[in-house]
Amino acid sequence: MATMTRNDVWTHITSALGELLAERGEDAGPLGPTTSLGGNLGVSSVEAIHLLITLEDRVGVPLSFQDVAVRDGEYVRDLALGDLQDFICRTIGAA
């Protein structure tokens, strides 16, 4: 498999989010690194887990919900798409 880039990861995130929101009959609209899953997009914790599983399939490596959702021993209240991209890139070693 070819090495995935940050742009590839971003494309996977936005595509998976678009599909998740389309299932709810919603349009993601413009997405950027500061767009938050909960605050801006209304993604529930169950949907966030589903999103992470979808992204695991697309990038081909396990992604730990615990590792992305916990900081300093506490669950984060919301997650920006840029933080999700950074997490996936670190996990897969994306350039």
C-alpha atoms as a PDB file:
ATOM      1  CA  MET A   1       0.000   0.000   0.000  1.00  0.00           C
ATOM      2  CA  ALA A   2       1.279   3.478  -0.850  1.00  0.00           C
ATOM      3  CA  THR A   3       2.063   5.839   1.980  1.00  0.00           C
ATOM      4  CA  MET A   4      -0.918   7.975   2.867  1.00  0.00           C
ATOM      5  CA  THR A   5      -0.527  11.766   3.052  1.00  0.00           C
ATOM      6  CA  ARG A   6      -2.218  14.279   5.363  1.00  0.00           C
ATOM      7  CA  ASN A   7      -4.407  15.268   2.420  1.00  0.00           C
ATOM      8  CA  ASP A   8      -5.442  11.634   1.928  1.00  0.00           C
ATOM      9  CA  VAL A   9      -6.381  11.428   5.607  1.00  0.00           C
ATOM     10  CA  TRP A  10      -8.387  14.664   5.327  1.00  0.00           C
ATOM     11  CA  THR A  11     -10.226  13.281   2.310  1.00  0.00           C
ATOM     12  CA  HIS A  12     -11.121  10.118   4.240  1.00  0.00           C
ATOM     13  CA  ILE A  13     -12.371  12.155   7.211  1.00  0.00           C
ATOM     14  CA  THR A  14     -14.538  14.494   5.156  1.00  0.00           C
ATOM     15  CA  SER A  15     -15.903  11.662   2.993  1.00  0.00           C
ATOM     16  CA  ALA A  16     -16.822   9.517   6.011  1.00  0.00           C
ATOM     17  CA  LEU A  17     -18.405  12.505   7.757  1.00  0.00           C
ATOM     18  CA  GLY A  18     -20.371  13.378   4.646  1.00  0.00           C
ATOM     19  CA  GLU A  19     -21.739   9.838   4.533  1.00  0.00           C
ATOM     20  CA  LEU A  20     -22.583   9.841   8.247  1.00  0.00           C
ATOM     21  CA  LEU A  21     -24.438  13.139   7.987  1.00  0.00           C
ATOM     22  CA  ALA A  22     -26.191  12.103   4.766  1.00  0.00           C
ATOM     23  CA  GLU A  23     -27.636   9.133   6.683  1.00  0.00           C
ATOM     24  CA  ARG A  24     -29.268  11.745   8.942  1.00  0.00           C
ATOM     25  CA  GLY A  25     -30.456  13.723   5.925  1.00  0.00           C
ATOM     26  CA  GLU A  26     -27.970  16.519   6.587  1.00  0.00           C
ATOM     27  CA  ASP A  27     -25.237  18.182   4.557  1.00  0.00           C
ATOM     28  CA  ALA A  28     -21.843  18.671   6.185  1.00  0.00           C
ATOM     29  CA  GLY A  29     -21.349  22.053   4.542  1.00  0.00           C
ATOM     30  CA  PRO A  30     -17.862  23.524   4.544  1.00  0.00           C
ATOM     31  CA  LEU A  31     -15.461  21.631   6.808  1.00  0.00           C
ATOM     32  CA  GLY A  32     -12.174  22.869   8.191  1.00  0.00           C
ATOM     33  CA  PRO A  33      -9.622  21.910  10.831  1.00  0.00           C
ATOM     34  CA  THR A  34     -11.495  23.831  13.551  1.00  0.00           C
ATOM     35  CA  THR A  35     -14.892  22.287  12.744  1.00  0.00           C
ATOM     36  CA  SER A  36     -15.904  20.277  15.800  1.00  0.00           C
ATOM     37  CA  LEU A  37     -17.688  16.961  15.673  1.00  0.00           C
ATOM     38  CA  GLY A  38     -20.159  17.719  18.433  1.00  0.00           C
ATOM     39  CA  GLY A  39     -20.464  21.482  18.575  1.00  0.00           C
ATOM     40  CA  ASN A  40     -20.580  22.205  14.859  1.00  0.00           C
ATOM     41  CA  LEU A  41     -21.854  18.958  13.366  1.00  0.00           C
ATOM     42  CA  GLY A  42     -23.949  17.507  16.195  1.00  0.00           C
ATOM     43  CA  VAL A  43     -22.164  14.142  16.044  1.00  0.00           C
ATOM     44  CA  SER A  44     -23.072  12.005  19.064  1.00  0.00           C
ATOM     45  CA  SER A  45     -20.558   9.830  20.885  1.00  0.00           C
ATOM     46  CA  VAL A  46     -22.061   6.720  19.256  1.00  0.00           C
ATOM     47  CA  GLU A  47     -21.743   8.349  15.819  1.00  0.00           C
ATOM     48  CA  ALA A  48     -18.151   9.351  16.638  1.00  0.00           C
ATOM     49  CA  ILE A  49     -17.320   5.712  17.382  1.00  0.00           C
ATOM     50  CA  HIS A  50     -18.986   4.667  14.109  1.00  0.00           C
ATOM     51  CA  LEU A  51     -16.945   7.338  12.310  1.00  0.00           C
ATOM     52  CA  LEU A  52     -13.717   6.039  13.848  1.00  0.00           C
ATOM     53  CA  ILE A  53     -14.553   2.462  12.804  1.00  0.00           C
ATOM     54  CA  THR A  54     -15.250   3.679   9.258  1.00  0.00           C
ATOM     55  CA  LEU A  55     -11.920   5.522   9.247  1.00  0.00           C
ATOM     56  CA  GLU A  56     -10.119   2.412  10.529  1.00  0.00           C
ATOM     57  CA  ASP A  57     -11.424   0.532   7.509  1.00  0.00           C
ATOM     58  CA  ARG A  58     -10.332   3.279   5.147  1.00  0.00           C
ATOM     59  CA  VAL A  59      -6.814   3.795   6.507  1.00  0.00           C
ATOM     60  CA  GLY A  60      -6.235   0.107   7.211  1.00  0.00           C
ATOM     61  CA  VAL A  61      -5.052   0.336  10.830  1.00  0.00           C
ATOM     62  CA  PRO A  62      -6.783   0.174  14.223  1.00  0.00           C
ATOM     63  CA  LEU A  63      -7.610   3.580  15.699  1.00  0.00           C
ATOM     64  CA  SER A  64      -8.077   3.694  19.458  1.00  0.00           C
ATOM     65  CA  PHE A  65     -11.094   5.738  20.516  1.00  0.00           C
ATOM     66  CA  GLN A  66      -9.496   5.939  23.960  1.00  0.00           C
ATOM     67  CA  ASP A  67      -6.336   7.501  22.519  1.00  0.00           C
ATOM     68  CA  VAL A  68      -8.200  10.174  20.560  1.00  0.00           C
ATOM     69  CA  ALA A  69     -10.935  10.919  23.103  1.00  0.00           C
ATOM     70  CA  VAL A  70      -8.925  11.103  26.341  1.00  0.00           C
ATOM     71  CA  ARG A  71      -6.465  13.850  27.239  1.00  0.00           C
ATOM     72  CA  ASP A  72      -4.746  14.152  30.585  1.00  0.00           C
ATOM     73  CA  GLY A  73      -6.921  11.351  31.954  1.00  0.00           C
ATOM     74  CA  GLU A  74     -10.238  12.988  31.051  1.00  0.00           C
ATOM     75  CA  TYR A  75     -12.586  12.633  28.101  1.00  0.00           C
ATOM     76  CA  VAL A  76     -12.525  15.579  25.741  1.00  0.00           C
ATOM     77  CA  ARG A  77     -15.879  17.309  25.401  1.00  0.00           C
ATOM     78  CA  ASP A  78     -15.511  17.800  21.671  1.00  0.00           C
ATOM     79  CA  LEU A  79     -13.017  17.029  18.943  1.00  0.00           C
ATOM     80  CA  ALA A  80     -11.942  19.305  16.116  1.00  0.00           C
ATOM     81  CA  LEU A  81     -11.429  17.718  12.718  1.00  0.00           C
ATOM     82  CA  GLY A  82      -7.832  18.964  12.659  1.00  0.00           C
ATOM     83  CA  ASP A  83      -7.167  17.098  15.919  1.00  0.00           C
ATOM     84  CA  LEU A  84      -8.699  13.958  14.424  1.00  0.00           C
ATOM     85  CA  GLN A  85      -6.535  14.363  11.327  1.00  0.00           C
ATOM     86  CA  ASP A  86      -3.404  14.845  13.465  1.00  0.00           C
ATOM     87  CA  PHE A  87      -4.257  11.751  15.528  1.00  0.00           C
ATOM     88  CA  ILE A  88      -4.768   9.555  12.449  1.00  0.00           C
ATOM     89  CA  CYS A  89      -1.605  10.881  10.789  1.00  0.00           C
ATOM     90  CA  ARG A  90       0.443  10.113  13.913  1.00  0.00           C
ATOM     91  CA  THR A  91      -1.115   6.658  14.164  1.00  0.00           C
ATOM     92  CA  ILE A  92      -0.424   5.670  10.554  1.00  0.00           C
ATOM     93  CA  GLY A  93       2.792   7.649  10.084  1.00  0.00           C
ATOM     94  CA  ALA A  94       1.326   9.818   7.312  1.00  0.00           C
ATOM     95  CA  ALA A  95       3.567  12.382   5.682  1.00  0.00           C
END
